[in-house]
Amino acid sequence: MLLDVRTYTCRPGTIKKHLALYEAKGKGPQTRHLGQPFAYLTTETGNVNQYIHIWAYENAGDRETKRAAMWADPEWLAYTQESAALGALESQENRLMTPVSFFPITR
C-alpha cells in the first residue's frame, strides 16, 4: 500500500471558503477517479490554517494511473482553475509513505 499524505496551508481567513469550494466542485471529480480518501482532516491544534488529506493506492503505478485520469477530467481542471482564482492556498507538501510491517493498515 502507498499512502499519499498531502498537507495544505491556506492564507489566514480563507480555509472555510477553500474547503467549501472543494466540497462543491472538487470532491466529485476527485473521488470519481481516486475513490474515497483514507482521511480528510482539518487542524484542531497547531496551525489552524492547514488541512491534510490522505489517499491510499495499491502502488505507485496505481497512483499514477488514477491521478492521470483525474488531471484529464475537464471538471477537475475547472475546479483547479477556480481554486487558483480564489487564491487561498499558500503552500502544499506531499509525502508518499508506506506502512511498517508491524502496524499494517487494514481497510
N, C-alpha and C. Protein backbone atom coordinates (compact mmCIF):
# COMPACT_ATOMS: atom_id res chain seq x y z
N MET A 1 0.83 -1.17 0.00
CA MET A 1 0.00 0.00 0.00
C MET A 1 0.88 1.24 0.00
N LEU A 2 0.47 2.24 -0.76
CA LEU A 2 1.17 3.51 -0.83
C LEU A 2 0.20 4.59 -0.38
N LEU A 3 0.61 5.39 0.60
CA LEU A 3 -0.22 6.48 1.09
C LEU A 3 0.34 7.81 0.60
N ASP A 4 -0.52 8.62 0.02
CA ASP A 4 -0.17 9.96 -0.44
C ASP A 4 -0.71 10.93 0.61
N VAL A 5 0.21 11.45 1.43
CA VAL A 5 -0.16 12.34 2.53
C VAL A 5 0.08 13.77 2.06
N ARG A 6 -1.00 14.56 2.03
CA ARG A 6 -0.93 15.92 1.49
C ARG A 6 -1.32 16.93 2.55
N THR A 7 -0.44 17.89 2.81
CA THR A 7 -0.71 18.95 3.77
C THR A 7 -0.81 20.27 3.01
N TYR A 8 -1.91 20.95 3.18
CA TYR A 8 -2.15 22.23 2.51
C TYR A 8 -2.26 23.33 3.56
N THR A 9 -1.66 24.46 3.27
CA THR A 9 -1.73 25.62 4.14
C THR A 9 -2.42 26.74 3.39
N CYS A 10 -3.49 27.27 4.00
CA CYS A 10 -4.25 28.37 3.41
C CYS A 10 -3.85 29.70 4.04
N ARG A 11 -4.07 30.77 3.31
CA ARG A 11 -3.89 32.10 3.88
C ARG A 11 -4.88 32.26 5.03
N PRO A 12 -4.49 32.94 6.09
CA PRO A 12 -5.41 33.13 7.21
C PRO A 12 -6.76 33.70 6.74
N GLY A 13 -7.82 33.10 7.28
CA GLY A 13 -9.16 33.57 6.97
C GLY A 13 -9.78 33.00 5.70
N THR A 14 -9.08 32.08 5.01
CA THR A 14 -9.60 31.59 3.73
C THR A 14 -9.91 30.10 3.72
N ILE A 15 -9.57 29.37 4.78
CA ILE A 15 -9.71 27.91 4.73
C ILE A 15 -11.17 27.48 4.55
N LYS A 16 -12.10 28.16 5.19
CA LYS A 16 -13.51 27.77 5.06
C LYS A 16 -13.99 27.95 3.62
N LYS A 17 -13.63 29.05 2.99
CA LYS A 17 -14.01 29.28 1.59
C LYS A 17 -13.37 28.24 0.68
N HIS A 18 -12.11 27.94 0.94
CA HIS A 18 -11.39 26.97 0.13
C HIS A 18 -12.02 25.58 0.23
N LEU A 19 -12.31 25.14 1.46
CA LEU A 19 -12.92 23.82 1.65
C LEU A 19 -14.35 23.77 1.10
N ALA A 20 -15.07 24.88 1.18
CA ALA A 20 -16.43 24.92 0.62
C ALA A 20 -16.38 24.79 -0.90
N LEU A 21 -15.41 25.43 -1.53
CA LEU A 21 -15.24 25.30 -2.98
C LEU A 21 -14.89 23.87 -3.35
N TYR A 22 -13.99 23.26 -2.59
CA TYR A 22 -13.63 21.86 -2.85
C TYR A 22 -14.85 20.96 -2.72
N GLU A 23 -15.62 21.14 -1.65
CA GLU A 23 -16.79 20.29 -1.44
C GLU A 23 -17.79 20.43 -2.59
N ALA A 24 -17.97 21.65 -3.06
CA ALA A 24 -18.94 21.91 -4.12
C ALA A 24 -18.46 21.47 -5.50
N LYS A 25 -17.17 21.65 -5.79
CA LYS A 25 -16.71 21.43 -7.17
C LYS A 25 -15.54 20.49 -7.35
N GLY A 26 -14.77 20.22 -6.30
CA GLY A 26 -13.60 19.35 -6.45
C GLY A 26 -13.79 17.94 -5.96
N LYS A 27 -14.59 17.77 -4.92
CA LYS A 27 -14.79 16.46 -4.32
C LYS A 27 -15.33 15.44 -5.31
N GLY A 28 -16.33 15.82 -6.10
CA GLY A 28 -16.94 14.89 -7.05
C GLY A 28 -15.95 14.31 -8.04
N PRO A 29 -15.27 15.17 -8.82
CA PRO A 29 -14.33 14.60 -9.79
C PRO A 29 -13.14 13.91 -9.14
N GLN A 30 -12.67 14.40 -8.01
CA GLN A 30 -11.51 13.76 -7.38
C GLN A 30 -11.86 12.36 -6.89
N THR A 31 -12.98 12.22 -6.18
CA THR A 31 -13.33 10.90 -5.66
C THR A 31 -13.79 9.96 -6.77
N ARG A 32 -14.28 10.51 -7.87
CA ARG A 32 -14.64 9.67 -9.02
C ARG A 32 -13.40 8.93 -9.54
N HIS A 33 -12.25 9.59 -9.50
CA HIS A 33 -11.02 8.99 -10.03
C HIS A 33 -10.18 8.30 -8.96
N LEU A 34 -10.14 8.87 -7.75
CA LEU A 34 -9.25 8.34 -6.71
C LEU A 34 -9.96 7.47 -5.69
N GLY A 35 -11.27 7.47 -5.68
CA GLY A 35 -12.02 6.78 -4.64
C GLY A 35 -12.11 7.66 -3.40
N GLN A 36 -12.59 7.10 -2.31
CA GLN A 36 -12.70 7.86 -1.06
C GLN A 36 -11.33 8.01 -0.43
N PRO A 37 -11.04 9.17 0.16
CA PRO A 37 -9.76 9.32 0.84
C PRO A 37 -9.68 8.45 2.08
N PHE A 38 -8.47 8.08 2.44
CA PHE A 38 -8.24 7.36 3.70
C PHE A 38 -8.62 8.27 4.86
N ALA A 39 -8.30 9.56 4.73
CA ALA A 39 -8.67 10.57 5.73
C ALA A 39 -8.65 11.94 5.08
N TYR A 40 -9.50 12.82 5.56
CA TYR A 40 -9.55 14.22 5.12
C TYR A 40 -9.79 15.02 6.40
N LEU A 41 -8.78 15.76 6.85
CA LEU A 41 -8.76 16.30 8.21
C LEU A 41 -8.45 17.78 8.26
N THR A 42 -9.13 18.49 9.15
CA THR A 42 -8.74 19.87 9.47
C THR A 42 -7.99 19.86 10.80
N THR A 43 -7.26 20.91 11.04
CA THR A 43 -6.42 21.01 12.23
C THR A 43 -7.20 21.59 13.39
N GLU A 44 -7.13 20.92 14.52
CA GLU A 44 -7.78 21.43 15.73
C GLU A 44 -6.79 22.18 16.61
N THR A 45 -5.53 21.73 16.63
CA THR A 45 -4.49 22.45 17.35
C THR A 45 -3.32 22.63 16.40
N GLY A 46 -2.47 23.58 16.70
CA GLY A 46 -1.37 23.86 15.77
C GLY A 46 -1.81 24.91 14.76
N ASN A 47 -1.37 24.77 13.54
CA ASN A 47 -1.70 25.74 12.50
C ASN A 47 -3.13 25.50 12.00
N VAL A 48 -4.06 26.31 12.45
CA VAL A 48 -5.48 26.13 12.09
C VAL A 48 -5.77 26.49 10.64
N ASN A 49 -4.78 26.96 9.93
CA ASN A 49 -4.93 27.26 8.50
C ASN A 49 -4.50 26.09 7.63
N GLN A 50 -4.24 24.93 8.24
CA GLN A 50 -3.82 23.75 7.50
C GLN A 50 -4.89 22.67 7.53
N TYR A 51 -4.87 21.86 6.47
CA TYR A 51 -5.66 20.64 6.45
C TYR A 51 -4.85 19.57 5.74
N ILE A 52 -5.21 18.33 6.03
CA ILE A 52 -4.46 17.18 5.50
C ILE A 52 -5.45 16.22 4.88
N HIS A 53 -5.08 15.67 3.74
CA HIS A 53 -5.83 14.53 3.23
C HIS A 53 -4.85 13.45 2.82
N ILE A 54 -5.33 12.20 2.98
CA ILE A 54 -4.50 11.03 2.74
C ILE A 54 -5.25 10.11 1.77
N TRP A 55 -4.57 9.75 0.70
CA TRP A 55 -5.15 8.86 -0.32
C TRP A 55 -4.36 7.57 -0.34
N ALA A 56 -5.05 6.46 -0.42
CA ALA A 56 -4.41 5.14 -0.43
C ALA A 56 -4.42 4.56 -1.84
N TYR A 57 -3.29 4.02 -2.23
CA TYR A 57 -3.13 3.40 -3.55
C TYR A 57 -2.50 2.02 -3.35
N GLU A 58 -2.70 1.17 -4.31
CA GLU A 58 -2.06 -0.14 -4.27
C GLU A 58 -0.54 -0.01 -4.39
N ASN A 59 -0.09 0.88 -5.28
CA ASN A 59 1.33 1.08 -5.54
C ASN A 59 1.50 2.36 -6.35
N ALA A 60 2.72 2.67 -6.74
CA ALA A 60 2.99 3.91 -7.48
C ALA A 60 2.30 3.92 -8.85
N GLY A 61 2.23 2.76 -9.49
CA GLY A 61 1.56 2.68 -10.79
C GLY A 61 0.07 2.97 -10.68
N ASP A 62 -0.56 2.46 -9.64
CA ASP A 62 -1.98 2.72 -9.40
C ASP A 62 -2.20 4.21 -9.18
N ARG A 63 -1.34 4.84 -8.39
CA ARG A 63 -1.43 6.28 -8.13
C ARG A 63 -1.28 7.06 -9.44
N GLU A 64 -0.28 6.72 -10.22
CA GLU A 64 -0.02 7.43 -11.46
C GLU A 64 -1.21 7.32 -12.42
N THR A 65 -1.77 6.14 -12.57
CA THR A 65 -2.90 5.93 -13.47
C THR A 65 -4.12 6.73 -13.03
N LYS A 66 -4.44 6.65 -11.76
CA LYS A 66 -5.63 7.35 -11.24
C LYS A 66 -5.47 8.86 -11.31
N ARG A 67 -4.29 9.36 -10.97
CA ARG A 67 -4.08 10.81 -10.99
C ARG A 67 -4.04 11.34 -12.43
N ALA A 68 -3.52 10.56 -13.36
CA ALA A 68 -3.53 10.99 -14.77
C ALA A 68 -4.96 11.11 -15.28
N ALA A 69 -5.81 10.16 -14.92
CA ALA A 69 -7.22 10.23 -15.34
C ALA A 69 -7.89 11.45 -14.72
N MET A 70 -7.59 11.74 -13.46
CA MET A 70 -8.18 12.91 -12.80
C MET A 70 -7.76 14.19 -13.50
N TRP A 71 -6.47 14.29 -13.84
CA TRP A 71 -5.97 15.51 -14.48
C TRP A 71 -6.42 15.64 -15.94
N ALA A 72 -7.02 14.61 -16.49
CA ALA A 72 -7.59 14.68 -17.84
C ALA A 72 -9.08 15.01 -17.79
N ASP A 73 -9.65 15.11 -16.61
CA ASP A 73 -11.08 15.36 -16.42
C ASP A 73 -11.36 16.86 -16.46
N PRO A 74 -12.16 17.33 -17.41
CA PRO A 74 -12.45 18.76 -17.50
C PRO A 74 -13.09 19.35 -16.24
N GLU A 75 -13.86 18.54 -15.53
CA GLU A 75 -14.50 19.02 -14.30
C GLU A 75 -13.44 19.29 -13.22
N TRP A 76 -12.43 18.42 -13.13
CA TRP A 76 -11.34 18.63 -12.18
C TRP A 76 -10.52 19.85 -12.57
N LEU A 77 -10.25 20.00 -13.84
CA LEU A 77 -9.46 21.15 -14.31
C LEU A 77 -10.20 22.46 -14.03
N ALA A 78 -11.51 22.47 -14.22
CA ALA A 78 -12.30 23.68 -13.92
C ALA A 78 -12.21 24.01 -12.43
N TYR A 79 -12.29 22.98 -11.59
CA TYR A 79 -12.16 23.21 -10.15
C TYR A 79 -10.80 23.81 -9.82
N THR A 80 -9.73 23.25 -10.38
CA THR A 80 -8.39 23.75 -10.04
C THR A 80 -8.21 25.20 -10.48
N GLN A 81 -8.83 25.58 -11.57
CA GLN A 81 -8.76 26.97 -12.03
C GLN A 81 -9.51 27.89 -11.06
N GLU A 82 -10.68 27.44 -10.61
CA GLU A 82 -11.45 28.23 -9.66
C GLU A 82 -10.72 28.34 -8.33
N SER A 83 -10.08 27.24 -7.91
CA SER A 83 -9.32 27.26 -6.68
C SER A 83 -8.15 28.24 -6.78
N ALA A 84 -7.47 28.23 -7.91
CA ALA A 84 -6.36 29.16 -8.12
C ALA A 84 -6.84 30.60 -8.08
N ALA A 85 -8.00 30.87 -8.69
CA ALA A 85 -8.55 32.22 -8.71
C ALA A 85 -8.93 32.68 -7.30
N LEU A 86 -9.38 31.73 -6.46
CA LEU A 86 -9.71 32.07 -5.08
C LEU A 86 -8.46 32.55 -4.34
N GLY A 87 -7.32 31.96 -4.64
CA GLY A 87 -6.05 32.39 -4.06
C GLY A 87 -5.87 32.06 -2.58
N ALA A 88 -6.54 31.02 -2.12
CA ALA A 88 -6.47 30.68 -0.69
C ALA A 88 -5.20 29.91 -0.32
N LEU A 89 -4.67 29.13 -1.23
CA LEU A 89 -3.55 28.26 -0.87
C LEU A 89 -2.22 29.01 -0.82
N GLU A 90 -1.50 28.81 0.27
CA GLU A 90 -0.16 29.37 0.42
C GLU A 90 0.90 28.35 0.06
N SER A 91 0.68 27.08 0.50
CA SER A 91 1.68 26.05 0.26
C SER A 91 1.05 24.68 0.30
N GLN A 92 1.81 23.73 -0.23
CA GLN A 92 1.38 22.34 -0.28
C GLN A 92 2.62 21.47 -0.06
N GLU A 93 2.44 20.42 0.75
CA GLU A 93 3.51 19.45 0.96
C GLU A 93 2.93 18.07 0.73
N ASN A 94 3.59 17.27 -0.09
CA ASN A 94 3.15 15.90 -0.38
C ASN A 94 4.23 14.94 0.07
N ARG A 95 3.79 13.83 0.70
CA ARG A 95 4.71 12.77 1.08
C ARG A 95 4.08 11.45 0.67
N LEU A 96 4.84 10.61 0.01
CA LEU A 96 4.41 9.25 -0.30
C LEU A 96 5.00 8.35 0.76
N MET A 97 4.12 7.59 1.45
CA MET A 97 4.55 6.81 2.60
C MET A 97 4.01 5.38 2.51
N THR A 98 4.71 4.46 3.14
CA THR A 98 4.25 3.07 3.21
C THR A 98 4.17 2.65 4.67
N PRO A 99 3.18 1.83 5.01
CA PRO A 99 3.06 1.37 6.40
C PRO A 99 4.19 0.41 6.77
N VAL A 100 4.55 0.41 8.03
CA VAL A 100 5.54 -0.55 8.52
C VAL A 100 4.88 -1.92 8.67
N SER A 101 5.69 -2.96 8.62
CA SER A 101 5.16 -4.33 8.64
C SER A 101 4.45 -4.68 9.95
N PHE A 102 4.87 -4.08 11.06
CA PHE A 102 4.29 -4.45 12.35
C PHE A 102 3.04 -3.66 12.72
N PHE A 103 2.62 -2.69 11.86
CA PHE A 103 1.35 -2.00 12.00
C PHE A 103 0.71 -1.89 10.63
N PRO A 104 0.26 -2.99 10.08
CA PRO A 104 -0.35 -2.94 8.74
C PRO A 104 -1.68 -2.18 8.78
N ILE A 105 -2.01 -1.56 7.69
CA ILE A 105 -3.29 -0.87 7.57
C ILE A 105 -4.29 -1.85 7.00
N THR A 106 -5.37 -2.00 7.70
CA THR A 106 -6.44 -2.87 7.20
C THR A 106 -7.60 -1.99 6.81
N ARG A 107 -8.02 -2.16 5.59
CA ARG A 107 -9.10 -1.32 5.07
C ARG A 107 -10.25 -2.17 4.67
